[in-house]
């Protein structure tokens, strides 16, 4: 049996305004109607716990939802939910180790609209619910995401593997910068490492920190030329007094031994008083190959990882998934 718990959201045709207590659309869609139209034959029960715009769902609401899940006799739980804070509810439930299979699902288009994605998402979520092992997941856009590794892309209305909105907001508060921590963003090309790093750098500048964004190539060239040109010397002095330095695409390409030593000396000189954001698509074991020196790579990582949060971003390349061509598509 599947226990379906409804909490509101666009999947049920609720069109909310910005106000918390806004009146719901009268022609809302019942989840039961979707199931009946699909000739569903498996046993299920439907329970409404509340009907809210997910932006206004509180932790008290989530605690109530948690209790309903705990007391349910069903092993498989399907939760219909608004998309705006769906990942937050998934994370809240996931941390409780409920030993049940729980899938959250919603829609980006109102369930009352002719081209709504609600029926597809609901059918996909039900199928996934019966195939995956016990844990908490989000099923959207034909994909299943584990609660620890999902975030909503507010720009194109999809869910992606990566950093959650909650974690992003914590990073943007810059408490880690005040406390002298580094951030290392790891992952394949195109998953948003540079975008996140540059955004945090911009936030730091806006709050009055001396923050600078450089690629590894910029750093290497600056170190090579600092005794030869005024521009490189001035940049070196600026970076030496920085509160935060972003080094983008570190270890993207091999470097000569003398350049590797200069890079180590530069970071070794600053790491106790300057925070770093490092982006890389190389695992730590690959750094030795890029530097051609295992001892030097270990020493460099030792400085950077001493006080550091390492975050792994995953998923498909945004650039490849949104690849453009100047040729017109023929119909």
Protein backbone atom coordinates (compact mmCIF):
# COMPACT_ATOMS: atom_id res chain seq x y z
CA UNK A 1 0.00 0.00 0.00
CA UNK A 2 1.09 3.58 -0.70
CA UNK A 3 0.26 6.29 1.79
CA UNK A 4 -0.14 9.58 -0.12
CA UNK A 5 0.17 12.68 2.04
CA UNK A 6 -0.82 16.01 0.52
CA UNK A 7 0.52 19.35 1.75
CA UNK A 8 -0.64 21.74 -1.00
CA UNK A 9 1.38 23.30 -3.81
CA UNK A 10 0.86 23.87 -7.50
CA UNK A 11 0.51 20.14 -8.17
CA UNK A 12 -2.95 20.40 -6.56
CA UNK A 13 -3.81 23.49 -8.55
CA UNK A 14 -3.32 25.89 -5.66
CA UNK A 15 -2.41 29.32 -7.01
CA UNK A 16 -0.98 31.29 -4.14
CA UNK A 17 -0.23 34.99 -3.87
CA UNK A 18 2.65 36.37 -1.83
CA UNK A 19 0.43 36.45 1.27
CA UNK A 20 0.59 33.49 3.63
CA UNK A 21 -3.14 33.25 4.15
CA UNK A 22 -4.12 33.79 0.53
CA UNK A 23 -7.30 32.07 -0.60
CA UNK A 24 -6.77 28.96 -2.68
CA UNK A 25 -8.15 28.53 -6.16
CA UNK A 26 -11.64 27.06 -6.00
CA UNK A 27 -11.04 24.75 -8.95
CA UNK A 28 -8.14 22.94 -7.30
CA UNK A 29 -7.25 19.47 -8.49
CA UNK A 30 -7.51 16.46 -6.22
CA UNK A 31 -4.66 13.98 -6.37
CA UNK A 32 -7.28 11.25 -6.42
CA UNK A 33 -8.50 12.57 -9.79
CA UNK A 34 -5.04 12.13 -11.31
CA UNK A 35 -4.86 8.56 -10.02
CA UNK A 36 -8.35 7.66 -11.24
CA UNK A 37 -7.67 9.06 -14.71
CA UNK A 38 -4.59 6.82 -14.90
CA UNK A 39 -6.61 3.69 -13.92
CA UNK A 40 -4.38 3.04 -10.91
CA UNK A 41 -5.09 -0.41 -9.45
CA UNK A 42 -2.70 -0.64 -6.49
CA UNK A 43 -4.03 0.05 -2.97
CA UNK A 44 -3.47 3.52 -1.56
CA UNK A 45 -4.82 5.96 0.95
CA UNK A 46 -4.74 9.76 0.70
CA UNK A 47 -4.36 12.02 3.71
CA UNK A 48 -4.34 15.82 3.71
CA UNK A 49 -2.11 17.18 6.49
CA UNK A 50 -2.24 20.84 5.41
CA UNK A 51 -2.55 22.95 2.27
CA UNK A 52 0.16 25.58 2.19
CA UNK A 53 2.36 27.50 -0.16
CA UNK A 54 5.67 25.77 0.60
CA UNK A 55 7.33 29.13 1.24
CA UNK A 56 5.28 29.30 4.44
CA UNK A 57 5.76 25.73 5.62
CA UNK A 58 7.41 25.90 9.05
CA UNK A 59 9.47 23.40 11.04
CA UNK A 60 6.37 22.88 13.20
CA UNK A 61 4.52 21.82 10.05
CA UNK A 62 7.38 19.48 9.19
CA UNK A 63 7.31 17.98 12.69
CA UNK A 64 3.60 17.28 12.27
CA UNK A 65 4.29 15.69 8.88
CA UNK A 66 7.06 13.61 10.47
CA UNK A 67 4.68 12.27 13.10
CA UNK A 68 2.12 11.28 10.47
CA UNK A 69 4.83 9.35 8.62
CA UNK A 70 6.02 7.61 11.79
CA UNK A 71 2.51 6.49 12.72
CA UNK A 72 1.63 5.33 9.21
CA UNK A 73 1.34 1.58 8.65
CA UNK A 74 2.62 2.00 5.10
CA UNK A 75 6.23 1.39 4.12
CA UNK A 76 5.93 3.56 1.01
CA UNK A 77 5.07 7.24 1.51
CA UNK A 78 4.36 9.72 -1.29
CA UNK A 79 4.24 13.41 -0.33
CA UNK A 80 2.86 16.06 -2.67
CA UNK A 81 4.59 19.33 -1.93
CA UNK A 82 5.22 22.80 -3.29
CA UNK A 83 8.53 23.03 -5.13
CA UNK A 84 9.92 26.17 -3.50
CA UNK A 85 11.07 24.48 -0.26
CA UNK A 86 10.70 20.85 -1.26
CA UNK A 87 14.41 20.13 -0.70
CA UNK A 88 14.22 21.64 2.80
CA UNK A 89 11.39 19.29 3.79
CA UNK A 90 13.26 16.36 2.23
CA UNK A 91 16.36 17.23 4.28
CA UNK A 92 14.30 17.59 7.47
CA UNK A 93 12.79 14.12 7.00
CA UNK A 94 15.99 12.53 5.75
CA UNK A 95 17.88 13.33 8.95
CA UNK A 96 15.47 11.21 11.01
CA UNK A 97 16.42 7.80 9.49
CA UNK A 98 12.81 6.68 9.17
CA UNK A 99 13.49 3.29 7.50
CA UNK A 100 10.70 3.94 5.02
CA UNK A 101 10.73 4.83 1.34
CA UNK A 102 9.59 8.43 1.11
CA UNK A 103 9.29 10.38 -2.15
CA UNK A 104 8.35 14.04 -2.45
CA UNK A 105 6.82 15.25 -5.71
CA UNK A 106 5.33 18.46 -7.05
CA UNK A 107 4.85 20.39 -10.26
CA UNK A 108 6.10 23.64 -11.72
CA UNK A 109 2.89 24.24 -13.67
CA UNK A 110 -0.49 24.46 -11.94
CA UNK A 111 -2.35 21.17 -11.86
CA UNK A 112 -5.39 22.96 -13.28
CA UNK A 113 -3.56 23.99 -16.47
CA UNK A 114 -3.89 21.93 -19.70
CA UNK A 115 -0.11 21.49 -20.10
CA UNK A 116 0.66 20.83 -16.45
CA UNK A 117 3.59 18.57 -15.59
CA UNK A 118 1.66 17.27 -12.54
CA UNK A 119 0.39 13.92 -13.97
CA UNK A 120 3.81 13.00 -15.40
CA UNK A 121 5.64 13.87 -12.18
CA UNK A 122 3.08 12.03 -10.07
CA UNK A 123 3.22 8.88 -12.19
CA UNK A 124 7.01 8.92 -12.27
CA UNK A 125 7.20 9.39 -8.49
CA UNK A 126 4.85 6.47 -7.86
CA UNK A 127 6.95 4.22 -10.09
CA UNK A 128 10.17 5.32 -8.39
CA UNK A 129 8.65 4.81 -4.95
CA UNK A 130 8.17 1.10 -5.64
CA UNK A 131 11.71 0.53 -6.94
CA UNK A 132 14.14 2.44 -4.72
CA UNK A 133 15.46 1.43 -1.31
CA UNK A 134 14.21 3.02 1.92
CA UNK A 135 15.30 6.65 2.32
CA UNK A 136 14.02 10.11 1.39
CA UNK A 137 14.00 11.29 -2.23
CA UNK A 138 12.64 13.94 -4.55
CA UNK A 139 11.20 12.80 -7.89
CA UNK A 140 10.91 15.57 -10.49
CA UNK A 141 11.56 16.08 -14.20
CA UNK A 142 11.93 12.33 -14.78
CA UNK A 143 14.80 12.11 -12.28
CA UNK A 144 15.18 10.84 -8.72
CA UNK A 145 17.33 12.80 -6.27
CA UNK A 146 18.57 11.70 -2.86
CA UNK A 147 17.74 14.21 -0.12
CA UNK A 148 21.43 14.91 0.54
CA UNK A 149 22.17 15.85 -3.03
CA UNK A 150 19.48 18.00 -4.57
CA UNK A 151 18.75 21.66 -5.14
CA UNK A 152 16.19 23.62 -7.10
CA UNK A 153 17.44 25.73 -9.99
CA UNK A 154 15.37 28.89 -9.63
CA UNK A 155 16.40 30.08 -13.08
CA UNK A 156 15.05 27.29 -15.24
CA UNK A 157 12.68 25.55 -12.76
CA UNK A 158 14.39 22.20 -12.48
CA UNK A 159 16.01 20.20 -9.71
CA UNK A 160 19.71 19.48 -9.96
CA UNK A 161 22.34 17.59 -8.03
CA UNK A 162 24.48 20.03 -6.12
CA UNK A 163 24.37 22.40 -3.22
CA UNK A 164 21.08 22.97 -1.41
CA UNK A 165 19.47 26.37 -1.03
CA UNK A 166 19.90 26.10 2.75
CA UNK A 167 23.63 25.43 2.44
CA UNK A 168 23.98 28.21 -0.12
CA UNK A 169 22.34 30.69 2.24
CA UNK A 170 24.70 29.60 5.01
CA UNK A 171 27.68 30.19 2.76
CA UNK A 172 26.40 33.62 1.78
CA UNK A 173 26.25 34.66 5.44
CA UNK A 174 30.11 34.48 5.31
CA UNK A 175 30.47 33.18 8.87
CA UNK A 176 33.10 30.78 7.53
CA UNK A 177 35.11 33.79 6.34
CA UNK A 178 34.92 35.48 9.74
CA UNK A 179 36.12 32.25 11.37
CA UNK A 180 39.04 31.75 8.97
CA UNK A 181 37.81 28.73 7.01
CA UNK A 182 38.55 27.81 3.41
CA UNK A 183 36.04 26.42 0.92
CA UNK A 184 36.97 23.79 -1.67
CA UNK A 185 34.44 23.20 -4.46
CA UNK A 186 35.02 19.95 -6.33
CA UNK A 187 33.18 18.47 -9.29
CA UNK A 188 33.18 18.02 -13.07
CA UNK A 189 33.09 20.90 -15.52
CA UNK A 190 29.85 22.82 -15.91
CA UNK A 191 28.19 22.12 -12.54
CA UNK A 192 28.54 25.67 -11.20
CA UNK A 193 31.79 25.76 -9.21
CA UNK A 194 33.04 28.99 -10.76
CA UNK A 195 29.59 30.62 -10.58
CA UNK A 196 29.31 29.82 -6.87
CA UNK A 197 32.88 30.92 -6.10
CA UNK A 198 32.55 34.21 -7.95
CA UNK A 199 29.19 34.89 -6.29
CA UNK A 200 30.66 34.36 -2.82
CA UNK A 201 33.58 36.60 -3.75
CA UNK A 202 31.12 39.30 -4.82
CA UNK A 203 29.19 38.92 -1.54
CA UNK A 204 32.44 39.36 0.39
CA UNK A 205 33.31 42.54 -1.52
CA UNK A 206 29.81 43.92 -0.90
CA UNK A 207 30.31 43.38 2.84
CA UNK A 208 33.63 45.23 2.89
CA UNK A 209 36.14 42.40 2.70
CA UNK A 210 39.23 42.58 0.51
CA UNK A 211 38.33 39.75 -1.86
CA UNK A 212 39.87 38.84 -5.23
CA UNK A 213 39.02 36.32 -7.94
CA UNK A 214 41.89 34.77 -9.91
CA UNK A 215 42.36 31.66 -12.03
CA UNK A 216 45.30 29.40 -11.28
CA UNK A 217 46.85 30.60 -14.53
CA UNK A 218 46.54 34.20 -13.28
CA UNK A 219 48.29 33.28 -10.03
CA UNK A 220 51.09 31.36 -11.73
CA UNK A 221 51.73 34.18 -14.23
CA UNK A 222 51.67 36.80 -11.48
CA UNK A 223 54.22 34.87 -9.43
CA UNK A 224 56.43 34.41 -12.48
CA UNK A 225 56.33 38.10 -13.41
CA UNK A 226 56.19 39.83 -10.01
CA UNK A 227 59.87 40.78 -10.07
CA UNK A 228 59.67 41.90 -13.70
CA UNK A 229 56.60 44.10 -14.10
CA UNK A 230 54.93 46.73 -11.96
CA UNK A 231 51.50 45.27 -12.68
CA UNK A 232 52.45 41.86 -11.30
CA UNK A 233 54.19 43.42 -8.30
CA UNK A 234 51.11 45.52 -7.48
CA UNK A 235 48.84 42.47 -7.82
CA UNK A 236 51.09 40.45 -5.53
CA UNK A 237 50.93 43.17 -2.88
CA UNK A 238 47.12 43.34 -3.17
CA UNK A 239 46.71 39.60 -2.80
CA UNK A 240 49.15 39.50 0.12
CA UNK A 241 46.76 41.73 2.10
CA UNK A 242 43.54 39.98 1.02
CA UNK A 243 40.87 38.63 3.32
CA UNK A 244 39.70 36.19 0.63
CA UNK A 245 41.27 34.86 -2.57
CA UNK A 246 39.38 32.68 -5.03
CA UNK A 247 41.65 30.41 -7.08
CA UNK A 248 39.55 29.04 -9.93
CA UNK A 249 40.38 25.79 -11.77
CA UNK A 250 43.37 24.90 -9.62
CA UNK A 251 45.34 21.97 -11.05
CA UNK A 252 43.49 22.19 -14.35
CA UNK A 253 46.82 21.93 -16.16
CA UNK A 254 50.32 20.67 -15.20
CA UNK A 255 52.79 23.26 -13.95
CA UNK A 256 56.56 23.36 -14.03
CA UNK A 257 58.47 22.54 -10.86
CA UNK A 258 59.60 26.14 -10.27
CA UNK A 259 56.03 27.40 -10.71
CA UNK A 260 54.72 24.71 -8.35
CA UNK A 261 57.21 25.77 -5.68
CA UNK A 262 56.26 29.43 -6.14
CA UNK A 263 52.56 28.54 -5.79
CA UNK A 264 53.24 26.61 -2.59
CA UNK A 265 55.30 29.44 -1.11
CA UNK A 266 52.56 31.93 -1.96
CA UNK A 267 49.82 29.90 -0.23
CA UNK A 268 52.11 28.96 2.65
CA UNK A 269 52.77 32.64 3.29
CA UNK A 270 49.08 33.58 3.35
CA UNK A 271 47.02 30.62 4.58
CA UNK A 272 47.05 31.55 8.28
CA UNK A 273 45.61 35.02 7.67
CA UNK A 274 43.78 34.71 4.34
CA UNK A 275 40.82 32.53 3.41
CA UNK A 276 40.72 30.71 0.08
CA UNK A 277 37.95 29.41 -2.14
CA UNK A 278 39.36 26.71 -4.39
CA UNK A 279 37.55 25.26 -7.39
CA UNK A 280 38.87 22.11 -9.01
CA UNK A 281 37.80 19.13 -11.09
CA UNK A 282 40.75 17.07 -9.88
CA UNK A 283 40.76 14.70 -6.95
CA UNK A 284 43.45 15.25 -4.32
CA UNK A 285 45.40 12.25 -5.61
CA UNK A 286 45.67 13.94 -9.03
CA UNK A 287 47.35 17.05 -7.63
CA UNK A 288 50.66 15.21 -7.33
CA UNK A 289 50.53 14.44 -11.06
CA UNK A 290 49.82 18.07 -11.96
CA UNK A 291 52.70 19.28 -9.78
CA UNK A 292 54.94 16.29 -10.58
CA UNK A 293 55.79 16.20 -6.88
CA UNK A 294 53.84 14.14 -4.34
CA UNK A 295 55.52 15.74 -1.32
CA UNK A 296 54.78 19.26 -2.56
CA UNK A 297 51.16 18.36 -3.39
CA UNK A 298 50.68 16.88 0.09
CA UNK A 299 52.13 19.98 1.74
CA UNK A 300 49.91 22.28 -0.36
CA UNK A 301 46.77 20.29 0.45
CA UNK A 302 47.77 20.25 4.12
CA UNK A 303 47.67 24.08 4.20
CA UNK A 304 44.43 24.41 2.27
CA UNK A 305 42.51 21.65 4.05
CA UNK A 306 43.63 22.55 7.59
CA UNK A 307 40.46 24.58 8.18
CA UNK A 308 38.28 23.81 5.21
CA UNK A 309 34.83 22.65 4.10
CA UNK A 310 35.01 20.44 1.01
CA UNK A 311 31.86 20.42 -1.13
CA UNK A 312 31.27 18.05 -4.02
CA UNK A 313 29.05 19.42 -6.77
CA UNK A 314 27.65 16.87 -9.17
CA UNK A 315 25.34 16.57 -12.14
CA UNK A 316 25.52 17.15 -15.86
CA UNK A 317 27.25 20.14 -17.35
CA UNK A 318 24.87 23.10 -17.58
CA UNK A 319 26.73 24.30 -20.69
CA UNK A 320 26.37 20.95 -22.46
CA UNK A 321 22.71 20.56 -21.50
CA UNK A 322 22.03 24.06 -22.83
CA UNK A 323 24.36 23.93 -25.81
CA UNK A 324 23.45 26.43 -28.49
CA UNK A 325 23.94 26.53 -32.26
CA UNK A 326 23.70 29.41 -34.72
CA UNK A 327 22.07 27.13 -37.30
CA UNK A 328 18.32 27.35 -37.36
CA UNK A 329 16.48 24.12 -36.60
CA UNK A 330 14.47 23.03 -39.56
CA UNK A 331 10.94 21.91 -38.82
